[in-house]
Amino acid sequence: MRAEVGLLSRNVKLQGDSSSEENQYGATVFLHSMGDDSLTARLENVEFTNMGQAFKLGRYAIHFHMIGNVHNSYIKGNSVHQSFNRAFTMHGTSYLRILKNVVYNVMGHNVFIEDAVERHN
């Protein structure tokens, strides 16, 4: 027998408050800028828990929103668990690298490409 194993804990942790699970209303990371390569986000080896806000449009655990090209940005080696609305969302964002992450117990999609205009992710 074989099993999939993913380590959820990390030394750096971003989480919603103690009422998040009861209310399905957690923390969000929302990234937005004025256009191509005007934002650089490097999220690496972080634990995200009690994230996202259930049934709220655009309130996802990690949301890259209408940025354009992000050649220098990546999401690498993180864990997202206990998310109430998706894990990673790319909306109007291209060239984002999402590598070696662990996602567990998420409502909705794990990786969501919102409008289908996103390219080379």
PDB file of N, CA and C in Angstrom:
ATOM      1  N   MET A   1       0.829  -1.170   0.000  1.00  0.00           N
ATOM      2  CA  MET A   1       0.000   0.000   0.000  1.00  0.00           C
ATOM      3  C   MET A   1       0.882   1.245   0.000  1.00  0.00           C
ATOM      4  N   ARG A   2       0.343   2.296  -0.609  1.00  0.00           N
ATOM      5  CA  ARG A   2       1.007   3.599  -0.610  1.00  0.00           C
ATOM      6  C   ARG A   2       0.011   4.649  -0.156  1.00  0.00           C
ATOM      7  N   ALA A   3       0.530   5.686   0.407  1.00  0.00           N
ATOM      8  CA  ALA A   3      -0.332   6.773   0.868  1.00  0.00           C
ATOM      9  C   ALA A   3       0.292   8.105   0.497  1.00  0.00           C
ATOM     10  N   GLU A   4      -0.548   9.062   0.209  1.00  0.00           N
ATOM     11  CA  GLU A   4      -0.092  10.433   0.000  1.00  0.00           C
ATOM     12  C   GLU A   4       0.112  11.064   1.367  1.00  0.00           C
ATOM     13  N   VAL A   5       1.241  11.709   1.560  1.00  0.00           N
ATOM     14  CA  VAL A   5       1.554  12.346   2.834  1.00  0.00           C
ATOM     15  C   VAL A   5       1.991  13.773   2.550  1.00  0.00           C
ATOM     16  N   GLY A   6       1.424  14.703   3.282  1.00  0.00           N
ATOM     17  CA  GLY A   6       1.812  16.103   3.131  1.00  0.00           C
ATOM     18  C   GLY A   6       1.944  16.750   4.496  1.00  0.00           C
ATOM     19  N   LEU A   7       3.038  17.410   4.739  1.00  0.00           N
ATOM     20  CA  LEU A   7       3.266  18.096   6.011  1.00  0.00           C
ATOM     21  C   LEU A   7       2.516  19.419   6.007  1.00  0.00           C
ATOM     22  N   LEU A   8       1.629  19.624   6.978  1.00  0.00           N
ATOM     23  CA  LEU A   8       0.814  20.839   7.041  1.00  0.00           C
ATOM     24  C   LEU A   8       1.454  21.943   7.865  1.00  0.00           C
ATOM     25  N   SER A   9       2.270  21.603   8.854  1.00  0.00           N
ATOM     26  CA  SER A   9       2.824  22.623   9.744  1.00  0.00           C
ATOM     27  C   SER A   9       4.040  23.302   9.119  1.00  0.00           C
ATOM     28  N   ARG A  10       4.194  24.578   9.431  1.00  0.00           N
ATOM     29  CA  ARG A  10       5.336  25.380   9.004  1.00  0.00           C
ATOM     30  C   ARG A  10       5.736  26.269  10.175  1.00  0.00           C
ATOM     31  N   ASN A  11       6.933  26.826  10.140  1.00  0.00           N
ATOM     32  CA  ASN A  11       7.391  27.710  11.217  1.00  0.00           C
ATOM     33  C   ASN A  11       6.675  29.053  11.204  1.00  0.00           C
ATOM     34  N   VAL A  12       6.329  29.547  10.026  1.00  0.00           N
ATOM     35  CA  VAL A  12       5.596  30.804   9.898  1.00  0.00           C
ATOM     36  C   VAL A  12       4.146  30.448   9.607  1.00  0.00           C
ATOM     37  N   LYS A  13       3.221  31.038  10.371  1.00  0.00           N
ATOM     38  CA  LYS A  13       1.813  30.654  10.267  1.00  0.00           C
ATOM     39  C   LYS A  13       0.940  31.900  10.172  1.00  0.00           C
ATOM     40  N   LEU A  14       0.039  31.910   9.183  1.00  0.00           N
ATOM     41  CA  LEU A  14      -0.967  32.965   9.037  1.00  0.00           C
ATOM     42  C   LEU A  14      -2.316  32.289   9.191  1.00  0.00           C
ATOM     43  N   GLN A  15      -3.143  32.809  10.113  1.00  0.00           N
ATOM     44  CA  GLN A  15      -4.401  32.126  10.383  1.00  0.00           C
ATOM     45  C   GLN A  15      -5.503  33.108  10.744  1.00  0.00           C
ATOM     46  N   GLY A  16      -6.741  32.655  10.548  1.00  0.00           N
ATOM     47  CA  GLY A  16      -7.892  33.400  11.022  1.00  0.00           C
ATOM     48  C   GLY A  16      -7.997  33.279  12.531  1.00  0.00           C
ATOM     49  N   ASP A  17      -8.903  34.037  13.127  1.00  0.00           N
ATOM     50  CA  ASP A  17      -9.025  34.006  14.588  1.00  0.00           C
ATOM     51  C   ASP A  17      -9.785  32.766  15.065  1.00  0.00           C
ATOM     52  N   SER A  18      -9.994  32.682  16.352  1.00  0.00           N
ATOM     53  CA  SER A  18     -10.574  31.474  16.952  1.00  0.00           C
ATOM     54  C   SER A  18     -12.025  31.243  16.538  1.00  0.00           C
ATOM     55  N   SER A  19     -12.732  32.268  16.069  1.00  0.00           N
ATOM     56  CA  SER A  19     -14.128  32.093  15.641  1.00  0.00           C
ATOM     57  C   SER A  19     -14.245  31.733  14.160  1.00  0.00           C
ATOM     58  N   SER A  20     -13.127  31.643  13.452  1.00  0.00           N
ATOM     59  CA  SER A  20     -13.156  31.402  12.009  1.00  0.00           C
ATOM     60  C   SER A  20     -13.885  30.124  11.638  1.00  0.00           C
ATOM     61  N   GLU A  21     -13.583  29.047  12.329  1.00  0.00           N
ATOM     62  CA  GLU A  21     -14.176  27.759  11.965  1.00  0.00           C
ATOM     63  C   GLU A  21     -15.681  27.760  12.200  1.00  0.00           C
ATOM     64  N   GLU A  22     -16.113  28.335  13.293  1.00  0.00           N
ATOM     65  CA  GLU A  22     -17.545  28.387  13.607  1.00  0.00           C
ATOM     66  C   GLU A  22     -18.316  29.222  12.585  1.00  0.00           C
ATOM     67  N   ASN A  23     -17.739  30.338  12.170  1.00  0.00           N
ATOM     68  CA  ASN A  23     -18.412  31.267  11.245  1.00  0.00           C
ATOM     69  C   ASN A  23     -18.052  31.049   9.784  1.00  0.00           C
ATOM     70  N   GLN A  24     -17.107  30.170   9.504  1.00  0.00           N
ATOM     71  CA  GLN A  24     -16.564  29.952   8.159  1.00  0.00           C
ATOM     72  C   GLN A  24     -16.128  31.289   7.539  1.00  0.00           C
ATOM     73  N   TYR A  25     -15.454  32.073   8.341  1.00  0.00           N
ATOM     74  CA  TYR A  25     -15.027  33.425   7.951  1.00  0.00           C
ATOM     75  C   TYR A  25     -13.588  33.610   8.437  1.00  0.00           C
ATOM     76  N   GLY A  26     -12.631  33.304   7.526  1.00  0.00           N
ATOM     77  CA  GLY A  26     -11.236  33.338   7.909  1.00  0.00           C
ATOM     78  C   GLY A  26     -10.474  34.492   7.287  1.00  0.00           C
ATOM     79  N   ALA A  27      -9.184  34.456   7.454  1.00  0.00           N
ATOM     80  CA  ALA A  27      -8.285  35.472   6.910  1.00  0.00           C
ATOM     81  C   ALA A  27      -8.143  35.302   5.402  1.00  0.00           C
ATOM     82  N   THR A  28      -7.744  36.356   4.718  1.00  0.00           N
ATOM     83  CA  THR A  28      -7.468  36.292   3.280  1.00  0.00           C
ATOM     84  C   THR A  28      -6.177  37.039   2.974  1.00  0.00           C
ATOM     85  N   VAL A  29      -5.504  36.614   1.907  1.00  0.00           N
ATOM     86  CA  VAL A  29      -4.356  37.336   1.376  1.00  0.00           C
ATOM     87  C   VAL A  29      -4.783  37.791  -0.013  1.00  0.00           C
ATOM     88  N   PHE A  30      -4.978  39.096  -0.174  1.00  0.00           N
ATOM     89  CA  PHE A  30      -5.485  39.673  -1.421  1.00  0.00           C
ATOM     90  C   PHE A  30      -4.387  40.529  -2.025  1.00  0.00           C
ATOM     91  N   LEU A  31      -3.924  40.157  -3.216  1.00  0.00           N
ATOM     92  CA  LEU A  31      -2.839  40.884  -3.874  1.00  0.00           C
ATOM     93  C   LEU A  31      -3.372  41.558  -5.134  1.00  0.00           C
ATOM     94  N   HIS A  32      -3.160  42.855  -5.242  1.00  0.00           N
ATOM     95  CA  HIS A  32      -3.657  43.630  -6.382  1.00  0.00           C
ATOM     96  C   HIS A  32      -2.682  44.772  -6.637  1.00  0.00           C
ATOM     97  N   SER A  33      -2.509  45.124  -7.898  1.00  0.00           N
ATOM     98  CA  SER A  33      -1.657  46.268  -8.225  1.00  0.00           C
ATOM     99  C   SER A  33      -2.133  46.882  -9.536  1.00  0.00           C
ATOM    100  N   MET A  34      -1.425  47.893  -9.978  1.00  0.00           N
ATOM    101  CA  MET A  34      -1.851  48.670 -11.140  1.00  0.00           C
ATOM    102  C   MET A  34      -1.525  48.022 -12.478  1.00  0.00           C
ATOM    103  N   GLY A  35      -0.720  46.988 -12.512  1.00  0.00           N
ATOM    104  CA  GLY A  35      -0.465  46.350 -13.802  1.00  0.00           C
ATOM    105  C   GLY A  35       0.800  45.529 -13.827  1.00  0.00           C
ATOM    106  N   ASP A  36       1.194  45.139 -15.048  1.00  0.00           N
ATOM    107  CA  ASP A  36       2.286  44.201 -15.281  1.00  0.00           C
ATOM    108  C   ASP A  36       3.522  44.477 -14.422  1.00  0.00           C
ATOM    109  N   ASP A  37       3.936  43.455 -13.710  1.00  0.00           N
ATOM    110  CA  ASP A  37       5.166  43.442 -12.924  1.00  0.00           C
ATOM    111  C   ASP A  37       5.296  44.607 -11.944  1.00  0.00           C
ATOM    112  N   SER A  38       4.166  45.186 -11.537  1.00  0.00           N
ATOM    113  CA  SER A  38       4.209  46.250 -10.528  1.00  0.00           C
ATOM    114  C   SER A  38       4.079  45.678  -9.117  1.00  0.00           C
ATOM    115  N   LEU A  39       3.952  44.360  -9.017  1.00  0.00           N
ATOM    116  CA  LEU A  39       3.850  43.689  -7.734  1.00  0.00           C
ATOM    117  C   LEU A  39       4.745  42.453  -7.761  1.00  0.00           C
ATOM    118  N   THR A  40       5.463  42.235  -6.684  1.00  0.00           N
ATOM    119  CA  THR A  40       6.222  41.001  -6.524  1.00  0.00           C
ATOM    120  C   THR A  40       5.810  40.380  -5.198  1.00  0.00           C
ATOM    121  N   ALA A  41       5.282  39.156  -5.273  1.00  0.00           N
ATOM    122  CA  ALA A  41       4.872  38.426  -4.074  1.00  0.00           C
ATOM    123  C   ALA A  41       5.577  37.084  -4.079  1.00  0.00           C
ATOM    124  N   ARG A  42       6.319  36.819  -3.041  1.00  0.00           N
ATOM    125  CA  ARG A  42       7.026  35.543  -2.898  1.00  0.00           C
ATOM    126  C   ARG A  42       6.591  34.911  -1.586  1.00  0.00           C
ATOM    127  N   LEU A  43       5.611  34.041  -1.686  1.00  0.00           N
ATOM    128  CA  LEU A  43       5.086  33.356  -0.516  1.00  0.00           C
ATOM    129  C   LEU A  43       5.721  31.976  -0.472  1.00  0.00           C
ATOM    130  N   GLU A  44       6.556  31.737   0.535  1.00  0.00           N
ATOM    131  CA  GLU A  44       7.315  30.493   0.571  1.00  0.00           C
ATOM    132  C   GLU A  44       7.366  29.937   1.992  1.00  0.00           C
ATOM    133  N   ASN A  45       7.038  28.654   2.125  1.00  0.00           N
ATOM    134  CA  ASN A  45       7.115  27.918   3.390  1.00  0.00           C
ATOM    135  C   ASN A  45       6.301  28.564   4.512  1.00  0.00           C
ATOM    136  N   VAL A  46       5.052  28.918   4.199  1.00  0.00           N
ATOM    137  CA  VAL A  46       4.136  29.508   5.173  1.00  0.00           C
ATOM    138  C   VAL A  46       2.945  28.568   5.337  1.00  0.00           C
ATOM    139  N   GLU A  47       2.461  28.452   6.545  1.00  0.00           N
ATOM    140  CA  GLU A  47       1.246  27.685   6.820  1.00  0.00           C
ATOM    141  C   GLU A  47       0.067  28.654   6.868  1.00  0.00           C
ATOM    142  N   PHE A  48      -0.927  28.403   6.051  1.00  0.00           N
ATOM    143  CA  PHE A  48      -2.153  29.208   6.012  1.00  0.00           C
ATOM    144  C   PHE A  48      -3.290  28.327   6.515  1.00  0.00           C
ATOM    145  N   THR A  49      -3.928  28.717   7.621  1.00  0.00           N
ATOM    146  CA  THR A  49      -5.027  27.929   8.162  1.00  0.00           C
ATOM    147  C   THR A  49      -6.166  28.841   8.612  1.00  0.00           C
ATOM    148  N   ASN A  50      -7.386  28.297   8.594  1.00  0.00           N
ATOM    149  CA  ASN A  50      -8.594  29.092   8.851  1.00  0.00           C
ATOM    150  C   ASN A  50      -8.638  30.298   7.916  1.00  0.00           C
ATOM    151  N   MET A  51      -8.537  30.000   6.642  1.00  0.00           N
ATOM    152  CA  MET A  51      -8.466  31.038   5.609  1.00  0.00           C
ATOM    153  C   MET A  51      -9.745  31.041   4.775  1.00  0.00           C
ATOM    154  N   GLY A  52      -9.937  32.114   4.004  1.00  0.00           N
ATOM    155  CA  GLY A  52     -11.074  32.217   3.101  1.00  0.00           C
ATOM    156  C   GLY A  52     -12.369  32.513   3.829  1.00  0.00           C
ATOM    157  N   GLN A  53     -13.336  33.039   3.082  1.00  0.00           N
ATOM    158  CA  GLN A  53     -14.629  33.389   3.661  1.00  0.00           C
ATOM    159  C   GLN A  53     -15.724  32.737   2.827  1.00  0.00           C
ATOM    160  N   ALA A  54     -16.426  31.809   3.446  1.00  0.00           N
ATOM    161  CA  ALA A  54     -17.406  30.981   2.743  1.00  0.00           C
ATOM    162  C   ALA A  54     -18.467  31.823   2.051  1.00  0.00           C
ATOM    163  N   PHE A  55     -18.753  31.459   0.801  1.00  0.00           N
ATOM    164  CA  PHE A  55     -19.842  32.028   0.004  1.00  0.00           C
ATOM    165  C   PHE A  55     -19.669  33.516  -0.289  1.00  0.00           C
ATOM    166  N   LYS A  56     -18.448  34.045  -0.153  1.00  0.00           N
ATOM    167  CA  LYS A  56     -18.179  35.448  -0.470  1.00  0.00           C
ATOM    168  C   LYS A  56     -17.269  35.513  -1.689  1.00  0.00           C
ATOM    169  N   LEU A  57     -17.740  36.134  -2.737  1.00  0.00           N
ATOM    170  CA  LEU A  57     -16.995  36.258  -3.982  1.00  0.00           C
ATOM    171  C   LEU A  57     -15.696  37.031  -3.747  1.00  0.00           C
ATOM    172  N   GLY A  58     -14.589  36.478  -4.208  1.00  0.00           N
ATOM    173  CA  GLY A  58     -13.294  37.148  -4.112  1.00  0.00           C
ATOM    174  C   GLY A  58     -12.589  37.028  -2.782  1.00  0.00           C
ATOM    175  N   ARG A  59     -13.178  36.338  -1.828  1.00  0.00           N
ATOM    176  CA  ARG A  59     -12.571  36.217  -0.505  1.00  0.00           C
ATOM    177  C   ARG A  59     -11.964  34.827  -0.337  1.00  0.00           C
ATOM    178  N   TYR A  60     -10.895  34.605  -1.105  1.00  0.00           N
ATOM    179  CA  TYR A  60     -10.231  33.306  -1.136  1.00  0.00           C
ATOM    180  C   TYR A  60      -8.997  33.352  -0.229  1.00  0.00           C
ATOM    181  N   ALA A  61      -8.445  32.201   0.073  1.00  0.00           N
ATOM    182  CA  ALA A  61      -7.273  32.144   0.952  1.00  0.00           C
ATOM    183  C   ALA A  61      -6.147  33.025   0.404  1.00  0.00           C
ATOM    184  N   ILE A  62      -5.699  32.767  -0.833  1.00  0.00           N
ATOM    185  CA  ILE A  62      -4.661  33.578  -1.475  1.00  0.00           C
ATOM    186  C   ILE A  62      -5.180  33.956  -2.854  1.00  0.00           C
ATOM    187  N   HIS A  63      -5.330  35.251  -3.102  1.00  0.00           N
ATOM    188  CA  HIS A  63      -6.003  35.748  -4.301  1.00  0.00           C
ATOM    189  C   HIS A  63      -5.131  36.786  -5.012  1.00  0.00           C
ATOM    190  N   PHE A  64      -4.631  36.422  -6.194  1.00  0.00           N
ATOM    191  CA  PHE A  64      -3.939  37.371  -7.070  1.00  0.00           C
ATOM    192  C   PHE A  64      -4.990  37.970  -7.984  1.00  0.00           C
ATOM    193  N   HIS A  65      -5.263  39.276  -7.862  1.00  0.00           N
ATOM    194  CA  HIS A  65      -6.409  39.901  -8.503  1.00  0.00           C
ATOM    195  C   HIS A  65      -6.008  40.965  -9.527  1.00  0.00           C
ATOM    196  N   MET A  66      -6.267  40.677 -10.791  1.00  0.00           N
ATOM    197  CA  MET A  66      -6.158  41.649 -11.891  1.00  0.00           C
ATOM    198  C   MET A  66      -4.818  42.391 -11.915  1.00  0.00           C
ATOM    199  N   ILE A  67      -3.744  41.652 -11.880  1.00  0.00           N
ATOM    200  CA  ILE A  67      -2.414  42.244 -11.823  1.00  0.00           C
ATOM    201  C   ILE A  67      -1.769  42.288 -13.205  1.00  0.00           C
ATOM    202  N   GLY A  68      -2.050  41.305 -14.041  1.00  0.00           N
ATOM    203  CA  GLY A  68      -1.333  41.162 -15.307  1.00  0.00           C
ATOM    204  C   GLY A  68      -0.175  40.202 -15.112  1.00  0.00           C
ATOM    205  N   ASN A  69       0.956  40.515 -15.673  1.00  0.00           N
ATOM    206  CA  ASN A  69       2.127  39.637 -15.576  1.00  0.00           C
ATOM    207  C   ASN A  69       2.829  39.800 -14.231  1.00  0.00           C
ATOM    208  N   VAL A  70       3.213  38.676 -13.655  1.00  0.00           N
ATOM    209  CA  VAL A  70       3.935  38.675 -12.376  1.00  0.00           C
ATOM    210  C   VAL A  70       5.142  37.738 -12.498  1.00  0.00           C
ATOM    211  N   HIS A  71       6.063  38.082 -13.369  1.00  0.00           N
ATOM    212  CA  HIS A  71       7.214  37.223 -13.653  1.00  0.00           C
ATOM    213  C   HIS A  71       8.048  36.884 -12.422  1.00  0.00           C
ATOM    214  N   ASN A  72       8.109  37.761 -11.432  1.00  0.00           N
ATOM    215  CA  ASN A  72       8.978  37.559 -10.269  1.00  0.00           C
ATOM    216  C   ASN A  72       8.250  36.993  -9.051  1.00  0.00           C
ATOM    217  N   SER A  73       6.991  36.632  -9.213  1.00  0.00           N
ATOM    218  CA  SER A  73       6.195  36.160  -8.078  1.00  0.00           C
ATOM    219  C   SER A  73       6.046  34.650  -8.089  1.00  0.00           C
ATOM    220  N   TYR A  74       5.895  34.080  -6.889  1.00  0.00           N
ATOM    221  CA  TYR A  74       5.634  32.651  -6.788  1.00  0.00           C
ATOM    222  C   TYR A  74       4.978  32.328  -5.451  1.00  0.00           C
ATOM    223  N   ILE A  75       4.365  31.142  -5.415  1.00  0.00           N
ATOM    224  CA  ILE A  75       3.805  30.551  -4.201  1.00  0.00           C
ATOM    225  C   ILE A  75       4.439  29.176  -4.114  1.00  0.00           C
ATOM    226  N   LYS A  76       5.340  28.976  -3.154  1.00  0.00           N
ATOM    227  CA  LYS A  76       6.155  27.760  -3.156  1.00  0.00           C
ATOM    228  C   LYS A  76       6.295  27.163  -1.753  1.00  0.00           C
ATOM    229  N   GLY A  77       6.029  25.873  -1.636  1.00  0.00           N
ATOM    230  CA  GLY A  77       6.299  25.138  -0.401  1.00  0.00           C
ATOM    231  C   GLY A  77       5.391  25.474   0.765  1.00  0.00           C
ATOM    232  N   ASN A  78       4.213  26.008   0.483  1.00  0.00           N
ATOM    233  CA  ASN A  78       3.286  26.397   1.540  1.00  0.00           C
ATOM    234  C   ASN A  78       2.293  25.284   1.839  1.00  0.00           C
ATOM    235  N   SER A  79       1.570  25.428   2.931  1.00  0.00           N
ATOM    236  CA  SER A  79       0.426  24.556   3.190  1.00  0.00           C
ATOM    237  C   SER A  79      -0.792  25.443   3.416  1.00  0.00           C
ATOM    238  N   VAL A  80      -1.896  25.036   2.816  1.00  0.00           N
ATOM    239  CA  VAL A  80      -3.182  25.704   3.023  1.00  0.00           C
ATOM    240  C   VAL A  80      -4.131  24.614   3.509  1.00  0.00           C
ATOM    241  N   HIS A  81      -4.657  24.786   4.708  1.00  0.00           N
ATOM    242  CA  HIS A  81      -5.639  23.829   5.206  1.00  0.00           C
ATOM    243  C   HIS A  81      -6.691  24.556   6.012  1.00  0.00           C
ATOM    244  N   GLN A  82      -7.874  23.935   6.070  1.00  0.00           N
ATOM    245  CA  GLN A  82      -9.018  24.555   6.719  1.00  0.00           C
ATOM    246  C   GLN A  82      -9.325  25.884   6.040  1.00  0.00           C
ATOM    247  N   SER A  83      -9.544  25.873   4.730  1.00  0.00           N
ATOM    248  CA  SER A  83      -9.933  27.082   4.009  1.00  0.00           C
ATOM    249  C   SER A  83     -11.406  26.987   3.654  1.00  0.00           C
ATOM    250  N   PHE A  84     -12.121  28.060   3.871  1.00  0.00           N
ATOM    251  CA  PHE A  84     -13.562  28.070   3.671  1.00  0.00           C
ATOM    252  C   PHE A  84     -13.954  28.559   2.281  1.00  0.00           C
ATOM    253  N   ASN A  85     -12.973  28.902   1.439  1.00  0.00           N
ATOM    254  CA  ASN A  85     -13.270  29.332   0.067  1.00  0.00           C
ATOM    255  C   ASN A  85     -12.002  29.288  -0.771  1.00  0.00           C
ATOM    256  N   ARG A  86     -11.725  28.159  -1.397  1.00  0.00           N
ATOM    257  CA  ARG A  86     -10.598  27.946  -2.301  1.00  0.00           C
ATOM    258  C   ARG A  86      -9.248  28.147  -1.615  1.00  0.00           C
ATOM    259  N   ALA A  87      -8.195  27.719  -2.315  1.00  0.00           N
ATOM    260  CA  ALA A  87      -6.841  27.878  -1.776  1.00  0.00           C
ATOM    261  C   ALA A  87      -6.104  28.977  -2.545  1.00  0.00           C
ATOM    262  N   PHE A  88      -5.809  28.751  -3.829  1.00  0.00           N
ATOM    263  CA  PHE A  88      -5.071  29.722  -4.650  1.00  0.00           C
ATOM    264  C   PHE A  88      -5.955  30.171  -5.807  1.00  0.00           C
ATOM    265  N   THR A  89      -6.104  31.465  -5.977  1.00  0.00           N
ATOM    266  CA  THR A  89      -6.905  32.001  -7.082  1.00  0.00           C
ATOM    267  C   THR A  89      -6.076  32.981  -7.888  1.00  0.00           C
ATOM    268  N   MET A  90      -6.097  32.787  -9.214  1.00  0.00           N
ATOM    269  CA  MET A  90      -5.458  33.710 -10.150  1.00  0.00           C
ATOM    270  C   MET A  90      -6.549  34.346 -10.990  1.00  0.00           C
ATOM    271  N   HIS A  91      -6.721  35.642 -10.883  1.00  0.00           N
ATOM    272  CA  HIS A  91      -7.733  36.363 -11.642  1.00  0.00           C
ATOM    273  C   HIS A  91      -7.028  37.474 -12.414  1.00  0.00           C
ATOM    274  N   GLY A  92      -6.999  37.341 -13.727  1.00  0.00           N
ATOM    275  CA  GLY A  92      -6.325  38.337 -14.552  1.00  0.00           C
ATOM    276  C   GLY A  92      -4.841  38.421 -14.263  1.00  0.00           C
ATOM    277  N   THR A  93      -4.243  37.301 -13.915  1.00  0.00           N
ATOM    278  CA  THR A  93      -2.829  37.246 -13.541  1.00  0.00           C
ATOM    279  C   THR A  93      -2.132  36.170 -14.358  1.00  0.00           C
ATOM    280  N   SER A  94      -0.987  36.501 -14.917  1.00  0.00           N
ATOM    281  CA  SER A  94      -0.236  35.558 -15.747  1.00  0.00           C
ATOM    282  C   SER A  94       1.200  35.411 -15.239  1.00  0.00           C
ATOM    283  N   TYR A  95       1.799  34.274 -15.560  1.00  0.00           N
ATOM    284  CA  TYR A  95       3.186  33.929 -15.218  1.00  0.00           C
ATOM    285  C   TYR A  95       3.405  33.688 -13.723  1.00  0.00           C
ATOM    286  N   LEU A  96       2.358  33.370 -12.983  1.00  0.00           N
ATOM    287  CA  LEU A  96       2.509  33.043 -11.565  1.00  0.00           C
ATOM    288  C   LEU A  96       2.931  31.589 -11.433  1.00  0.00           C
ATOM    289  N   ARG A  97       3.940  31.337 -10.626  1.00  0.00           N
ATOM    290  CA  ARG A  97       4.401  29.968 -10.384  1.00  0.00           C
ATOM    291  C   ARG A  97       3.861  29.477  -9.042  1.00  0.00           C
ATOM    292  N   ILE A  98       3.190  28.331  -9.092  1.00  0.00           N
ATOM    293  CA  ILE A  98       2.661  27.689  -7.889  1.00  0.00           C
ATOM    294  C   ILE A  98       3.309  26.316  -7.821  1.00  0.00           C
ATOM    295  N   LEU A  99       4.230  26.125  -6.859  1.00  0.00           N
ATOM    296  CA  LEU A  99       5.070  24.934  -6.817  1.00  0.00           C
ATOM    297  C   LEU A  99       5.084  24.281  -5.440  1.00  0.00           C
ATOM    298  N   LYS A 100       4.995  22.963  -5.399  1.00  0.00           N
ATOM    299  CA  LYS A 100       5.259  22.139  -4.209  1.00  0.00           C
ATOM    300  C   LYS A 100       4.488  22.575  -2.965  1.00  0.00           C
ATOM    301  N   ASN A 101       3.208  22.920  -3.134  1.00  0.00           N
ATOM    302  CA  ASN A 101       2.350  23.286  -2.021  1.00  0.00           C
ATOM    303  C   ASN A 101       1.511  22.088  -1.596  1.00  0.00           C
ATOM    304  N   VAL A 102       1.028  22.110  -0.363  1.00  0.00           N
ATOM    305  CA  VAL A 102       0.127  21.088   0.153  1.00  0.00           C
ATOM    306  C   VAL A 102      -1.195  21.779   0.471  1.00  0.00           C
ATOM    307  N   VAL A 103      -2.284  21.220  -0.045  1.00  0.00           N
ATOM    308  CA  VAL A 103      -3.617  21.785   0.193  1.00  0.00           C
ATOM    309  C   VAL A 103      -4.500  20.674   0.755  1.00  0.00           C
ATOM    310  N   TYR A 104      -5.190  20.972   1.859  1.00  0.00           N
ATOM    311  CA  TYR A 104      -6.022  19.958   2.507  1.00  0.00           C
ATOM    312  C   TYR A 104      -7.252  20.616   3.130  1.00  0.00           C
ATOM    313  N   ASN A 105      -8.386  19.964   2.986  1.00  0.00           N
ATOM    314  CA  ASN A 105      -9.633  20.378   3.620  1.00  0.00           C
ATOM    315  C   ASN A 105     -10.034  21.804   3.224  1.00  0.00           C
ATOM    316  N   VAL A 106     -10.241  21.971   1.936  1.00  0.00           N
ATOM    317  CA  VAL A 106     -10.595  23.272   1.364  1.00  0.00           C
ATOM    318  C   VAL A 106     -11.978  23.181   0.725  1.00  0.00           C
ATOM    319  N   MET A 107     -12.833  24.162   0.972  1.00  0.00           N
ATOM    320  CA  MET A 107     -14.129  24.226   0.302  1.00  0.00           C
ATOM    321  C   MET A 107     -13.917  24.805  -1.095  1.00  0.00           C
ATOM    322  N   GLY A 108     -14.334  24.083  -2.099  1.00  0.00           N
ATOM    323  CA  GLY A 108     -14.182  24.565  -3.468  1.00  0.00           C
ATOM    324  C   GLY A 108     -12.878  24.111  -4.079  1.00  0.00           C
ATOM    325  N   HIS A 109     -12.433  24.832  -5.085  1.00  0.00           N
ATOM    326  CA  HIS A 109     -11.245  24.467  -5.841  1.00  0.00           C
ATOM    327  C   HIS A 109      -9.968  24.670  -5.027  1.00  0.00           C
ATOM    328  N   ASN A 110      -8.962  23.860  -5.328  1.00  0.00           N
ATOM    329  CA  ASN A 110      -7.653  24.079  -4.721  1.00  0.00           C
ATOM    330  C   ASN A 110      -6.892  25.159  -5.459  1.00  0.00           C
ATOM    331  N   VAL A 111      -6.847  25.056  -6.783  1.00  0.00           N
ATOM    332  CA  VAL A 111      -6.229  26.082  -7.626  1.00  0.00           C
ATOM    333  C   VAL A 111      -7.297  26.535  -8.604  1.00  0.00           C
ATOM    334  N   PHE A 112      -7.625  27.816  -8.594  1.00  0.00           N
ATOM    335  CA  PHE A 112      -8.745  28.348  -9.371  1.00  0.00           C
ATOM    336  C   PHE A 112      -8.252  29.427 -10.317  1.00  0.00           C
ATOM    337  N   ILE A 113      -8.496  29.223 -11.602  1.00  0.00           N
ATOM    338  CA  ILE A 113      -8.206  30.233 -12.625  1.00  0.00           C
ATOM    339  C   ILE A 113      -9.549  30.859 -12.975  1.00  0.00           C
ATOM    340  N   GLU A 114      -9.728  32.136 -12.649  1.00  0.00           N
ATOM    341  CA  GLU A 114     -11.059  32.720 -12.580  1.00  0.00           C
ATOM    342  C   GLU A 114     -11.713  33.021 -13.934  1.00  0.00           C
ATOM    343  N   ASP A 115     -11.036  33.690 -14.849  1.00  0.00           N
ATOM    344  CA  ASP A 115     -11.690  34.141 -16.089  1.00  0.00           C
ATOM    345  C   ASP A 115     -11.215  33.472 -17.357  1.00  0.00           C
ATOM    346  N   ALA A 116     -10.247  32.625 -17.294  1.00  0.00           N
ATOM    347  CA  ALA A 116      -9.652  31.951 -18.468  1.00  0.00           C
ATOM    348  C   ALA A 116      -8.895  32.907 -19.374  1.00  0.00           C
ATOM    349  N   VAL A 117      -8.582  34.113 -18.914  1.00  0.00           N
ATOM    350  CA  VAL A 117      -7.692  35.008 -19.652  1.00  0.00           C
ATOM    351  C   VAL A 117      -6.257  34.891 -19.114  1.00  0.00           C
ATOM    352  N   GLU A 118      -6.091  34.169 -18.024  1.00  0.00           N
ATOM    353  CA  GLU A 118      -4.797  33.979 -17.385  1.00  0.00           C
ATOM    354  C   GLU A 118      -3.951  33.055 -18.258  1.00  0.00           C
ATOM    355  N   ARG A 119      -2.676  33.389 -18.418  1.00  0.00           N
ATOM    356  CA  ARG A 119      -1.810  32.620 -19.296  1.00  0.00           C
ATOM    357  C   ARG A 119      -0.474  32.294 -18.605  1.00  0.00           C
ATOM    358  N   HIS A 120       0.112  31.173 -18.983  1.00  0.00           N
ATOM    359  CA  HIS A 120       1.487  30.774 -18.603  1.00  0.00           C
ATOM    360  C   HIS A 120       1.677  30.644 -17.091  1.00  0.00           C
ATOM    361  N   ASN A 121       0.651  30.241 -16.393  1.00  0.00           N
ATOM    362  CA  ASN A 121       0.781  30.003 -14.955  1.00  0.00           C
ATOM    363  C   ASN A 121       1.219  28.574 -14.732  1.00  0.00           C
TER     364      ASN A 121
END
